Amino acid sequence: MKVNREANLEANIHISGSVSFATHQSRLEKELKRPPTFQELFDKTHKKKETDQYISDRAREVAESYSQQMTEKYAGEEEQP
């Protein structure tokens, strides 16, 4: 493991493996029959399938922060990106 990765173990963790995010997005779009939101794609690549829990505290914090920011930005609007 490189020194850079050892310094912060939670920095770049995801569960998408060697599958690109574009491929995950395309698959999720077919599954949902619409383009996925950023939150849906993030959850797909950062949550465990078995428990539906985020793979790290950092991933959970990012998701919560994004959700809060979108709620504040789009309060009162029908749809969020």
PDB file of N, CA and C in Angstrom:
ATOM      1  N   MET A   1       0.855  -1.181   0.000  1.00  0.00           N
ATOM      2  CA  MET A   1       0.000   0.000   0.000  1.00  0.00           C
ATOM      3  C   MET A   1       0.898   1.240   0.000  1.00  0.00           C
ATOM      4  N   LYS A   2       0.533   2.207  -0.774  1.00  0.00           N
ATOM      5  CA  LYS A   2       1.335   3.422  -0.862  1.00  0.00           C
ATOM      6  C   LYS A   2       1.198   4.253   0.411  1.00  0.00           C
ATOM      7  N   VAL A   3       2.224   5.014   0.695  1.00  0.00           N
ATOM      8  CA  VAL A   3       2.245   5.858   1.885  1.00  0.00           C
ATOM      9  C   VAL A   3       1.063   6.820   1.870  1.00  0.00           C
ATOM     10  N   ASN A   4       0.741   7.353   0.728  1.00  0.00           N
ATOM     11  CA  ASN A   4      -0.361   8.296   0.594  1.00  0.00           C
ATOM     12  C   ASN A   4      -1.672   7.693   1.094  1.00  0.00           C
ATOM     13  N   ARG A   5      -1.936   6.464   0.730  1.00  0.00           N
ATOM     14  CA  ARG A   5      -3.175   5.800   1.148  1.00  0.00           C
ATOM     15  C   ARG A   5      -3.148   5.436   2.625  1.00  0.00           C
ATOM     16  N   GLU A   6      -1.969   5.110   3.125  1.00  0.00           N
ATOM     17  CA  GLU A   6      -1.847   4.734   4.527  1.00  0.00           C
ATOM     18  C   GLU A   6      -2.104   5.916   5.455  1.00  0.00           C
ATOM     19  N   ALA A   7      -1.861   7.111   4.980  1.00  0.00           N
ATOM     20  CA  ALA A   7      -2.021   8.306   5.811  1.00  0.00           C
ATOM     21  C   ALA A   7      -3.471   8.527   6.214  1.00  0.00           C
ATOM     22  N   ASN A   8      -4.408   8.222   5.325  1.00  0.00           N
ATOM     23  CA  ASN A   8      -5.824   8.434   5.611  1.00  0.00           C
ATOM     24  C   ASN A   8      -6.618   7.294   4.983  1.00  0.00           C
ATOM     25  N   LEU A   9      -6.887   6.278   5.757  1.00  0.00           N
ATOM     26  CA  LEU A   9      -7.512   5.067   5.232  1.00  0.00           C
ATOM     27  C   LEU A   9      -8.923   5.276   4.704  1.00  0.00           C
ATOM     28  N   GLU A  10      -9.650   6.271   5.199  1.00  0.00           N
ATOM     29  CA  GLU A  10     -11.027   6.492   4.762  1.00  0.00           C
ATOM     30  C   GLU A  10     -11.140   7.476   3.601  1.00  0.00           C
ATOM     31  N   ALA A  11     -10.064   8.034   3.153  1.00  0.00           N
ATOM     32  CA  ALA A  11     -10.113   9.122   2.177  1.00  0.00           C
ATOM     33  C   ALA A  11     -10.758   8.742   0.852  1.00  0.00           C
ATOM     34  N   ASN A  12     -10.421   7.603   0.298  1.00  0.00           N
ATOM     35  CA  ASN A  12     -10.881   7.265  -1.044  1.00  0.00           C
ATOM     36  C   ASN A  12     -11.544   5.897  -1.121  1.00  0.00           C
ATOM     37  N   ILE A  13     -12.271   5.529  -0.122  1.00  0.00           N
ATOM     38  CA  ILE A  13     -12.889   4.211  -0.099  1.00  0.00           C
ATOM     39  C   ILE A  13     -14.237   4.239  -0.805  1.00  0.00           C
ATOM     40  N   HIS A  14     -14.438   3.248  -1.667  1.00  0.00           N
ATOM     41  CA  HIS A  14     -15.738   3.041  -2.304  1.00  0.00           C
ATOM     42  C   HIS A  14     -15.857   1.556  -2.596  1.00  0.00           C
ATOM     43  N   ILE A  15     -17.022   1.108  -2.981  1.00  0.00           N
ATOM     44  CA  ILE A  15     -17.222  -0.318  -3.218  1.00  0.00           C
ATOM     45  C   ILE A  15     -17.482  -0.630  -4.681  1.00  0.00           C
ATOM     46  N   SER A  16     -17.111   0.279  -5.567  1.00  0.00           N
ATOM     47  CA  SER A  16     -17.397   0.070  -6.984  1.00  0.00           C
ATOM     48  C   SER A  16     -16.386  -0.842  -7.660  1.00  0.00           C
ATOM     49  N   GLY A  17     -15.309  -1.181  -6.979  1.00  0.00           N
ATOM     50  CA  GLY A  17     -14.316  -2.071  -7.565  1.00  0.00           C
ATOM     51  C   GLY A  17     -13.706  -1.476  -8.815  1.00  0.00           C
ATOM     52  N   SER A  18     -13.506  -2.322  -9.826  1.00  0.00           N
ATOM     53  CA  SER A  18     -12.896  -1.844 -11.066  1.00  0.00           C
ATOM     54  C   SER A  18     -13.925  -1.287 -12.039  1.00  0.00           C
ATOM     55  N   VAL A  19     -15.184  -1.294 -11.652  1.00  0.00           N
ATOM     56  CA  VAL A  19     -16.254  -0.765 -12.497  1.00  0.00           C
ATOM     57  C   VAL A  19     -16.255   0.759 -12.380  1.00  0.00           C
ATOM     58  N   SER A  20     -16.248   1.441 -13.509  1.00  0.00           N
ATOM     59  CA  SER A  20     -16.198   2.906 -13.492  1.00  0.00           C
ATOM     60  C   SER A  20     -17.504   3.496 -12.962  1.00  0.00           C
ATOM     61  N   PHE A  21     -17.420   4.730 -12.506  1.00  0.00           N
ATOM     62  CA  PHE A  21     -18.621   5.410 -12.028  1.00  0.00           C
ATOM     63  C   PHE A  21     -19.594   5.642 -13.176  1.00  0.00           C
ATOM     64  N   ALA A  22     -19.062   5.856 -14.380  1.00  0.00           N
ATOM     65  CA  ALA A  22     -19.929   6.027 -15.555  1.00  0.00           C
ATOM     66  C   ALA A  22     -20.738   4.759 -15.818  1.00  0.00           C
ATOM     67  N   THR A  23     -20.112   3.608 -15.639  1.00  0.00           N
ATOM     68  CA  THR A  23     -20.816   2.337 -15.820  1.00  0.00           C
ATOM     69  C   THR A  23     -21.868   2.154 -14.738  1.00  0.00           C
ATOM     70  N   HIS A  24     -21.516   2.476 -13.505  1.00  0.00           N
ATOM     71  CA  HIS A  24     -22.501   2.400 -12.419  1.00  0.00           C
ATOM     72  C   HIS A  24     -23.680   3.323 -12.704  1.00  0.00           C
ATOM     73  N   GLN A  25     -23.391   4.512 -13.201  1.00  0.00           N
ATOM     74  CA  GLN A  25     -24.447   5.473 -13.514  1.00  0.00           C
ATOM     75  C   GLN A  25     -25.350   4.926 -14.612  1.00  0.00           C
ATOM     76  N   SER A  26     -24.763   4.350 -15.641  1.00  0.00           N
ATOM     77  CA  SER A  26     -25.537   3.789 -16.748  1.00  0.00           C
ATOM     78  C   SER A  26     -26.424   2.640 -16.273  1.00  0.00           C
ATOM     79  N   ARG A  27     -25.868   1.760 -15.453  1.00  0.00           N
ATOM     80  CA  ARG A  27     -26.644   0.626 -14.925  1.00  0.00           C
ATOM     81  C   ARG A  27     -27.787   1.099 -14.034  1.00  0.00           C
ATOM     82  N   LEU A  28     -27.505   2.079 -13.202  1.00  0.00           N
ATOM     83  CA  LEU A  28     -28.524   2.606 -12.303  1.00  0.00           C
ATOM     84  C   LEU A  28     -29.619   3.315 -13.093  1.00  0.00           C
ATOM     85  N   GLU A  29     -29.244   3.986 -14.163  1.00  0.00           N
ATOM     86  CA  GLU A  29     -30.227   4.657 -15.016  1.00  0.00           C
ATOM     87  C   GLU A  29     -31.175   3.635 -15.650  1.00  0.00           C
ATOM     88  N   LYS A  30     -30.642   2.509 -16.088  1.00  0.00           N
ATOM     89  CA  LYS A  30     -31.487   1.450 -16.657  1.00  0.00           C
ATOM     90  C   LYS A  30     -32.413   0.865 -15.593  1.00  0.00           C
ATOM     91  N   GLU A  31     -31.881   0.681 -14.399  1.00  0.00           N
ATOM     92  CA  GLU A  31     -32.658   0.123 -13.290  1.00  0.00           C
ATOM     93  C   GLU A  31     -33.792   1.060 -12.875  1.00  0.00           C
ATOM     94  N   LEU A  32     -33.495   2.356 -12.786  1.00  0.00           N
ATOM     95  CA  LEU A  32     -34.477   3.340 -12.321  1.00  0.00           C
ATOM     96  C   LEU A  32     -35.362   3.879 -13.444  1.00  0.00           C
ATOM     97  N   LYS A  33     -34.937   3.643 -14.692  1.00  0.00           N
ATOM     98  CA  LYS A  33     -35.634   4.161 -15.881  1.00  0.00           C
ATOM     99  C   LYS A  33     -35.660   5.696 -15.899  1.00  0.00           C
ATOM    100  N   ARG A  34     -34.593   6.285 -15.351  1.00  0.00           N
ATOM    101  CA  ARG A  34     -34.379   7.728 -15.349  1.00  0.00           C
ATOM    102  C   ARG A  34     -32.938   7.961 -14.893  1.00  0.00           C
ATOM    103  N   PRO A  35     -32.393   9.124 -15.188  1.00  0.00           N
ATOM    104  CA  PRO A  35     -31.032   9.403 -14.713  1.00  0.00           C
ATOM    105  C   PRO A  35     -30.987   9.427 -13.180  1.00  0.00           C
ATOM    106  N   PRO A  36     -30.001   8.769 -12.580  1.00  0.00           N
ATOM    107  CA  PRO A  36     -29.900   8.785 -11.118  1.00  0.00           C
ATOM    108  C   PRO A  36     -29.402  10.134 -10.614  1.00  0.00           C
ATOM    109  N   THR A  37     -29.800  10.477  -9.416  1.00  0.00           N
ATOM    110  CA  THR A  37     -29.280  11.690  -8.785  1.00  0.00           C
ATOM    111  C   THR A  37     -27.865  11.403  -8.288  1.00  0.00           C
ATOM    112  N   PHE A  38     -27.147  12.459  -7.967  1.00  0.00           N
ATOM    113  CA  PHE A  38     -25.814  12.281  -7.407  1.00  0.00           C
ATOM    114  C   PHE A  38     -25.897  11.443  -6.129  1.00  0.00           C
ATOM    115  N   GLN A  39     -26.892  11.719  -5.303  1.00  0.00           N
ATOM    116  CA  GLN A  39     -27.055  11.002  -4.037  1.00  0.00           C
ATOM    117  C   GLN A  39     -27.268   9.511  -4.275  1.00  0.00           C
ATOM    118  N   GLU A  40     -28.084   9.160  -5.250  1.00  0.00           N
ATOM    119  CA  GLU A  40     -28.339   7.748  -5.555  1.00  0.00           C
ATOM    120  C   GLU A  40     -27.069   7.052  -6.037  1.00  0.00           C
ATOM    121  N   LEU A  41     -26.295   7.714  -6.874  1.00  0.00           N
ATOM    122  CA  LEU A  41     -25.051   7.135  -7.369  1.00  0.00           C
ATOM    123  C   LEU A  41     -24.028   7.013  -6.244  1.00  0.00           C
ATOM    124  N   PHE A  42     -23.946   8.028  -5.406  1.00  0.00           N
ATOM    125  CA  PHE A  42     -23.025   7.986  -4.270  1.00  0.00           C
ATOM    126  C   PHE A  42     -23.394   6.830  -3.345  1.00  0.00           C
ATOM    127  N   ASP A  43     -24.684   6.694  -3.044  1.00  0.00           N
ATOM    128  CA  ASP A  43     -25.129   5.605  -2.171  1.00  0.00           C
ATOM    129  C   ASP A  43     -24.809   4.245  -2.778  1.00  0.00           C
ATOM    130  N   LYS A  44     -24.998   4.110  -4.073  1.00  0.00           N
ATOM    131  CA  LYS A  44     -24.737   2.838  -4.756  1.00  0.00           C
ATOM    132  C   LYS A  44     -23.268   2.445  -4.639  1.00  0.00           C
ATOM    133  N   THR A  45     -22.380   3.417  -4.637  1.00  0.00           N
ATOM    134  CA  THR A  45     -20.949   3.131  -4.611  1.00  0.00           C
ATOM    135  C   THR A  45     -20.307   3.278  -3.232  1.00  0.00           C
ATOM    136  N   HIS A  46     -21.087   3.665  -2.223  1.00  0.00           N
ATOM    137  CA  HIS A  46     -20.523   3.862  -0.891  1.00  0.00           C
ATOM    138  C   HIS A  46     -21.325   3.212   0.237  1.00  0.00           C
ATOM    139  N   LYS A  47     -22.306   2.389  -0.107  1.00  0.00           N
ATOM    140  CA  LYS A  47     -23.080   1.670   0.912  1.00  0.00           C
ATOM    141  C   LYS A  47     -22.949   0.164   0.703  1.00  0.00           C
ATOM    142  N   LYS A  48     -22.928  -0.557   1.817  1.00  0.00           N
ATOM    143  CA  LYS A  48     -22.905  -2.016   1.741  1.00  0.00           C
ATOM    144  C   LYS A  48     -24.288  -2.517   1.354  1.00  0.00           C
ATOM    145  N   LYS A  49     -24.341  -3.466   0.450  1.00  0.00           N
ATOM    146  CA  LYS A  49     -25.624  -3.996  -0.006  1.00  0.00           C
ATOM    147  C   LYS A  49     -26.370  -4.714   1.117  1.00  0.00           C
ATOM    148  N   GLU A  50     -25.637  -5.470   1.911  1.00  0.00           N
ATOM    149  CA  GLU A  50     -26.262  -6.299   2.948  1.00  0.00           C
ATOM    150  C   GLU A  50     -26.907  -5.477   4.057  1.00  0.00           C
ATOM    151  N   THR A  51     -26.243  -4.407   4.459  1.00  0.00           N
ATOM    152  CA  THR A  51     -26.712  -3.644   5.622  1.00  0.00           C
ATOM    153  C   THR A  51     -27.270  -2.275   5.266  1.00  0.00           C
ATOM    154  N   ASP A  52     -27.053  -1.825   4.038  1.00  0.00           N
ATOM    155  CA  ASP A  52     -27.477  -0.499   3.587  1.00  0.00           C
ATOM    156  C   ASP A  52     -26.849   0.603   4.442  1.00  0.00           C
ATOM    157  N   GLN A  53     -25.662   0.323   4.994  1.00  0.00           N
ATOM    158  CA  GLN A  53     -24.936   1.316   5.784  1.00  0.00           C
ATOM    159  C   GLN A  53     -23.723   1.787   5.000  1.00  0.00           C
ATOM    160  N   TYR A  54     -23.328   3.028   5.226  1.00  0.00           N
ATOM    161  CA  TYR A  54     -22.154   3.560   4.551  1.00  0.00           C
ATOM    162  C   TYR A  54     -20.914   2.792   4.973  1.00  0.00           C
ATOM    163  N   ILE A  55     -19.959   2.696   4.057  1.00  0.00           N
ATOM    164  CA  ILE A  55     -18.769   1.897   4.310  1.00  0.00           C
ATOM    165  C   ILE A  55     -17.792   2.564   5.269  1.00  0.00           C
ATOM    166  N   SER A  56     -17.977   3.857   5.516  1.00  0.00           N
ATOM    167  CA  SER A  56     -17.108   4.560   6.459  1.00  0.00           C
ATOM    168  C   SER A  56     -17.852   5.765   7.031  1.00  0.00           C
ATOM    169  N   ASP A  57     -17.334   6.262   8.125  1.00  0.00           N
ATOM    170  CA  ASP A  57     -17.911   7.473   8.717  1.00  0.00           C
ATOM    171  C   ASP A  57     -17.766   8.647   7.759  1.00  0.00           C
ATOM    172  N   ARG A  58     -16.657   8.698   7.057  1.00  0.00           N
ATOM    173  CA  ARG A  58     -16.415   9.789   6.107  1.00  0.00           C
ATOM    174  C   ARG A  58     -17.457   9.772   4.989  1.00  0.00           C
ATOM    175  N   ALA A  59     -17.771   8.606   4.458  1.00  0.00           N
ATOM    176  CA  ALA A  59     -18.780   8.498   3.397  1.00  0.00           C
ATOM    177  C   ALA A  59     -20.143   8.960   3.909  1.00  0.00           C
ATOM    178  N   ARG A  60     -20.483   8.572   5.127  1.00  0.00           N
ATOM    179  CA  ARG A  60     -21.753   8.996   5.727  1.00  0.00           C
ATOM    180  C   ARG A  60     -21.790  10.508   5.897  1.00  0.00           C
ATOM    181  N   GLU A  61     -20.691  11.086   6.367  1.00  0.00           N
ATOM    182  CA  GLU A  61     -20.623  12.536   6.565  1.00  0.00           C
ATOM    183  C   GLU A  61     -20.772  13.289   5.247  1.00  0.00           C
ATOM    184  N   VAL A  62     -20.145  12.793   4.196  1.00  0.00           N
ATOM    185  CA  VAL A  62     -20.251  13.433   2.878  1.00  0.00           C
ATOM    186  C   VAL A  62     -21.695  13.383   2.396  1.00  0.00           C
ATOM    187  N   ALA A  63     -22.338  12.226   2.530  1.00  0.00           N
ATOM    188  CA  ALA A  63     -23.727  12.069   2.093  1.00  0.00           C
ATOM    189  C   ALA A  63     -24.664  12.985   2.881  1.00  0.00           C
ATOM    190  N   GLU A  64     -24.476  13.053   4.183  1.00  0.00           N
ATOM    191  CA  GLU A  64     -25.320  13.912   5.015  1.00  0.00           C
ATOM    192  C   GLU A  64     -25.109  15.385   4.674  1.00  0.00           C
ATOM    193  N   SER A  65     -23.867  15.777   4.462  1.00  0.00           N
ATOM    194  CA  SER A  65     -23.557  17.162   4.114  1.00  0.00           C
ATOM    195  C   SER A  65     -24.175  17.529   2.769  1.00  0.00           C
ATOM    196  N   TYR A  66     -24.052  16.648   1.792  1.00  0.00           N
ATOM    197  CA  TYR A  66     -24.631  16.894   0.468  1.00  0.00           C
ATOM    198  C   TYR A  66     -26.143  17.030   0.569  1.00  0.00           C
ATOM    199  N   SER A  67     -26.766  16.121   1.292  1.00  0.00           N
ATOM    200  CA  SER A  67     -28.216  16.142   1.441  1.00  0.00           C
ATOM    201  C   SER A  67     -28.677  17.447   2.090  1.00  0.00           C
ATOM    202  N   GLN A  68     -27.976  17.866   3.124  1.00  0.00           N
ATOM    203  CA  GLN A  68     -28.324  19.110   3.816  1.00  0.00           C
ATOM    204  C   GLN A  68     -28.161  20.314   2.889  1.00  0.00           C
ATOM    205  N   GLN A  69     -27.076  20.348   2.139  1.00  0.00           N
ATOM    206  CA  GLN A  69     -26.843  21.469   1.222  1.00  0.00           C
ATOM    207  C   GLN A  69     -27.901  21.525   0.126  1.00  0.00           C
ATOM    208  N   MET A  70     -28.293  20.387  -0.399  1.00  0.00           N
ATOM    209  CA  MET A  70     -29.312  20.357  -1.446  1.00  0.00           C
ATOM    210  C   MET A  70     -30.676  20.776  -0.889  1.00  0.00           C
ATOM    211  N   THR A  71     -30.965  20.364   0.334  1.00  0.00           N
ATOM    212  CA  THR A  71     -32.220  20.750   0.972  1.00  0.00           C
ATOM    213  C   THR A  71     -32.272  22.264   1.151  1.00  0.00           C
ATOM    214  N   GLU A  72     -31.171  22.837   1.622  1.00  0.00           N
ATOM    215  CA  GLU A  72     -31.117  24.287   1.811  1.00  0.00           C
ATOM    216  C   GLU A  72     -31.200  25.030   0.481  1.00  0.00           C
ATOM    217  N   LYS A  73     -30.501  24.542  -0.520  1.00  0.00           N
ATOM    218  CA  LYS A  73     -30.454  25.217  -1.817  1.00  0.00           C
ATOM    219  C   LYS A  73     -31.776  25.137  -2.562  1.00  0.00           C
ATOM    220  N   TYR A  74     -32.441  23.988  -2.483  1.00  0.00           N
ATOM    221  CA  TYR A  74     -33.653  23.774  -3.269  1.00  0.00           C
ATOM    222  C   TYR A  74     -34.915  23.718  -2.421  1.00  0.00           C
ATOM    223  N   ALA A  75     -34.886  24.286  -1.246  1.00  0.00           N
ATOM    224  CA  ALA A  75     -36.059  24.296  -0.368  1.00  0.00           C
ATOM    225  C   ALA A  75     -37.246  24.899  -1.107  1.00  0.00           C
ATOM    226  N   GLY A  76     -38.348  24.178  -1.110  1.00  0.00           N
ATOM    227  CA  GLY A  76     -39.563  24.665  -1.744  1.00  0.00           C
ATOM    228  C   GLY A  76     -39.698  24.293  -3.204  1.00  0.00           C
ATOM    229  N   GLU A  77     -38.653  23.747  -3.810  1.00  0.00           N
ATOM    230  CA  GLU A  77     -38.737  23.334  -5.210  1.00  0.00           C
ATOM    231  C   GLU A  77     -39.161  21.876  -5.295  1.00  0.00           C
ATOM    232  N   GLU A  78     -39.704  21.497  -6.422  1.00  0.00           N
ATOM    233  CA  GLU A  78     -40.220  20.143  -6.630  1.00  0.00           C
ATOM    234  C   GLU A  78     -39.128  19.080  -6.624  1.00  0.00           C
ATOM    235  N   GLU A  79     -38.052  19.325  -7.377  1.00  0.00           N
ATOM    236  CA  GLU A  79     -37.067  18.284  -7.616  1.00  0.00           C
ATOM    237  C   GLU A  79     -35.665  18.785  -7.325  1.00  0.00           C
ATOM    238  N   GLN A  80     -34.843  17.904  -6.758  1.00  0.00           N
ATOM    239  CA  GLN A  80     -33.449  18.220  -6.498  1.00  0.00           C
ATOM    240  C   GLN A  80     -32.582  17.424  -7.462  1.00  0.00           C
ATOM    241  N   PRO A  81     -31.412  17.967  -7.854  1.00  0.00           N
ATOM    242  CA  PRO A  81     -30.514  17.218  -8.753  1.00  0.00           C
ATOM    243  C   PRO A  81     -29.849  16.066  -8.043  1.00  0.00           C
TER     244      PRO A  81
END
